[in-house]
Amino acid sequence: MKPYAPAVPLADVSETYADLVTTVFSSTIAAKAWLATAAIVLALVQVTTAARMWGRLRFLPMRGPIVARVHRWSGRIAFLCTLPVFFHCVTILGFRTPDTRVAVHSLVGTFFYGVFAAKVLIVRDRSLPGWALPVAGATLASTLGLLWLTSSLWYFTNVRFGF
């Protein structure tokens, strides 16, 4: 008896991802670098609007619900920008430690979504002390910044600065 074989071969996820990404970018690594850059820019918007909401920045013209809306949407879009990067790192590259930069990037990358989950839970929990949310947000932004420094900045300075 012949084992079951589908009539149409199953699509290779990695190849499909690469085909999709290279319709916009020159390579999957370029896509990863640019999407991470978009995420870090949006993280800066997050930090700035959070500081405005907590009364630490007074020079921003936005006030009240507008700042909160910009904060929430910049965070949502930043998170969406990280998903293809995460997919690429986990399914295509995997955890590697050939040198210090890649080892740090791999370790911090495994930590990032845990910090993200903690921050989301802290946002919803009103019983925590007032310092918990700013610390979680700063940790998340710092983690993303370190990931960007060990990947996108390296790519832009050592490989190429382009799409």
Protein backbone atom coordinates (compact mmCIF):
# COMPACT_ATOMS: atom_id res chain seq x y z
CA MET A 1 0.00 0.00 0.00
CA LYS A 2 1.35 3.41 -0.98
CA PRO A 3 1.67 6.08 1.78
CA TYR A 4 -0.59 9.08 1.40
CA ALA A 5 0.89 11.80 -0.76
CA PRO A 6 -1.03 14.99 -1.48
CA ALA A 7 -1.84 15.68 -5.11
CA VAL A 8 -0.40 19.18 -4.80
CA PRO A 9 2.94 19.50 -2.95
CA LEU A 10 2.70 21.51 0.24
CA ALA A 11 4.13 24.99 -0.11
CA ASP A 12 7.50 25.61 1.46
CA VAL A 13 6.79 28.31 4.04
CA SER A 14 10.28 29.73 3.89
CA GLU A 15 10.21 30.00 0.11
CA THR A 16 6.74 31.55 0.11
CA TYR A 17 7.83 34.06 2.75
CA ALA A 18 10.93 34.95 0.71
CA ASP A 19 8.86 35.37 -2.46
CA LEU A 20 6.39 37.62 -0.69
CA VAL A 21 9.02 39.78 1.03
CA THR A 22 11.20 40.20 -2.06
CA THR A 23 8.33 41.80 -3.95
CA VAL A 24 9.09 44.92 -1.87
CA PHE A 25 12.63 44.44 -0.54
CA SER A 26 15.84 43.26 -2.20
CA SER A 27 16.21 40.37 0.27
CA THR A 28 14.64 38.88 3.36
CA ILE A 29 17.45 40.29 5.49
CA ALA A 30 16.78 43.80 4.08
CA ALA A 31 13.10 43.37 4.96
CA LYS A 32 14.06 42.32 8.46
CA ALA A 33 16.32 45.37 8.87
CA TRP A 34 13.75 47.86 7.59
CA LEU A 35 10.80 46.40 9.51
CA ALA A 36 12.89 46.44 12.70
CA THR A 37 13.77 50.07 11.93
CA ALA A 38 10.08 50.92 11.57
CA ALA A 39 9.44 49.20 14.90
CA ILE A 40 12.20 51.15 16.67
CA VAL A 41 10.94 54.47 15.27
CA LEU A 42 7.45 53.59 16.51
CA ALA A 43 8.95 52.59 19.86
CA LEU A 44 10.40 56.10 20.11
CA VAL A 45 6.88 57.43 19.48
CA GLN A 46 5.72 55.09 22.26
CA VAL A 47 8.30 56.38 24.74
CA THR A 48 7.58 60.01 23.84
CA THR A 49 3.80 59.70 24.10
CA ALA A 50 4.09 57.69 27.33
CA ALA A 51 6.26 60.43 28.81
CA ARG A 52 3.62 62.96 27.73
CA MET A 53 0.79 60.94 29.28
CA TRP A 54 2.72 60.59 32.57
CA GLY A 55 3.40 64.34 32.64
CA ARG A 56 7.15 64.08 32.00
CA LEU A 57 7.05 66.00 28.68
CA ARG A 58 5.10 69.19 28.46
CA PHE A 59 6.30 70.51 25.11
CA LEU A 60 4.22 68.14 22.96
CA PRO A 61 1.19 69.95 21.52
CA MET A 62 -1.01 66.84 21.79
CA ARG A 63 -3.08 66.39 24.91
CA GLY A 64 -5.47 63.91 26.49
CA PRO A 65 -7.12 61.19 24.43
CA ILE A 66 -5.18 62.06 21.27
CA VAL A 67 -1.87 61.20 22.94
CA ALA A 68 -3.31 57.95 24.29
CA ARG A 69 -4.64 57.02 20.84
CA VAL A 70 -1.28 57.75 19.16
CA HIS A 71 0.44 55.75 21.91
CA ARG A 72 -1.82 52.71 21.47
CA TRP A 73 -1.71 52.68 17.68
CA SER A 74 2.04 53.24 17.44
CA GLY A 75 2.47 50.27 19.77
CA ARG A 76 0.12 48.08 17.75
CA ILE A 77 1.84 48.93 14.48
CA ALA A 78 5.30 48.48 16.03
CA PHE A 79 4.25 45.03 17.25
CA LEU A 80 2.95 44.13 13.76
CA CYS A 81 6.28 45.24 12.27
CA THR A 82 8.10 42.82 14.57
CA LEU A 83 6.08 39.75 13.54
CA PRO A 84 7.75 39.15 10.13
CA VAL A 85 11.12 39.81 11.80
CA PHE A 86 10.30 37.25 14.50
CA PHE A 87 9.15 34.74 11.88
CA HIS A 88 12.36 35.20 9.89
CA CYS A 89 14.61 34.91 12.94
CA VAL A 90 12.89 31.88 14.44
CA THR A 91 11.97 29.80 11.40
CA ILE A 92 14.74 30.66 8.96
CA LEU A 93 17.77 31.67 11.03
CA GLY A 94 17.11 30.03 14.40
CA PHE A 95 19.07 30.50 17.60
CA ARG A 96 22.76 30.89 16.75
CA THR A 97 25.93 31.98 18.53
CA PRO A 98 28.74 32.23 15.93
CA ASP A 99 29.98 35.52 17.37
CA THR A 100 29.20 37.92 20.20
CA ARG A 101 26.84 40.16 18.18
CA VAL A 102 24.69 37.25 16.99
CA ALA A 103 24.76 35.59 20.42
CA VAL A 104 23.56 38.78 22.13
CA HIS A 105 20.92 39.26 19.42
CA SER A 106 19.66 35.68 19.82
CA LEU A 107 19.48 35.92 23.61
CA VAL A 108 17.75 39.31 23.63
CA GLY A 109 15.41 38.16 20.87
CA THR A 110 14.21 35.25 22.98
CA PHE A 111 13.59 37.69 25.83
CA PHE A 112 11.67 40.29 23.76
CA TYR A 113 8.22 38.70 23.49
CA GLY A 114 8.28 37.73 27.16
CA VAL A 115 8.87 41.38 28.04
CA PHE A 116 6.10 42.35 25.61
CA ALA A 117 3.65 39.92 27.23
CA ALA A 118 4.58 41.21 30.70
CA LYS A 119 4.03 44.82 29.61
CA VAL A 120 0.61 44.04 28.15
CA LEU A 121 -0.41 42.27 31.36
CA ILE A 122 0.89 45.15 33.51
CA VAL A 123 -1.10 47.68 31.45
CA ARG A 124 -4.31 45.83 32.36
CA ASP A 125 -3.52 45.30 36.05
CA ARG A 126 -4.44 48.36 38.13
CA SER A 127 -3.32 46.75 41.42
CA LEU A 128 0.42 47.02 40.63
CA PRO A 129 2.55 49.90 41.93
CA GLY A 130 2.80 52.99 39.75
CA TRP A 131 6.42 52.34 38.77
CA ALA A 132 5.69 48.89 37.23
CA LEU A 133 4.30 50.12 33.92
CA PRO A 134 7.06 52.66 33.15
CA VAL A 135 9.70 50.07 34.04
CA ALA A 136 8.04 47.46 31.80
CA GLY A 137 7.71 49.96 28.95
CA ALA A 138 11.31 51.12 29.28
CA THR A 139 12.51 47.51 29.40
CA LEU A 140 10.54 46.70 26.27
CA ALA A 141 11.86 49.76 24.40
CA SER A 142 15.42 49.04 25.54
CA THR A 143 15.16 45.41 24.49
CA LEU A 144 13.90 46.43 21.05
CA GLY A 145 16.68 49.01 20.83
CA LEU A 146 19.33 46.40 21.61
CA LEU A 147 17.84 44.08 19.01
CA TRP A 148 17.97 46.89 16.45
CA LEU A 149 21.57 47.74 17.32
CA THR A 150 22.68 44.11 16.93
CA SER A 151 20.83 43.54 13.65
CA SER A 152 19.58 46.48 11.59
CA LEU A 153 22.38 48.89 12.45
CA TRP A 154 24.90 46.15 11.71
CA TYR A 155 23.14 45.41 8.39
CA PHE A 156 23.02 49.09 7.37
CA THR A 157 26.69 49.71 8.23
CA ASN A 158 28.20 46.40 7.03
CA VAL A 159 26.00 45.14 4.20
CA ARG A 160 24.04 47.92 2.58
CA PHE A 161 21.76 50.80 3.30
CA GLY A 162 18.90 50.24 0.91
CA PHE A 163 15.73 48.33 0.28
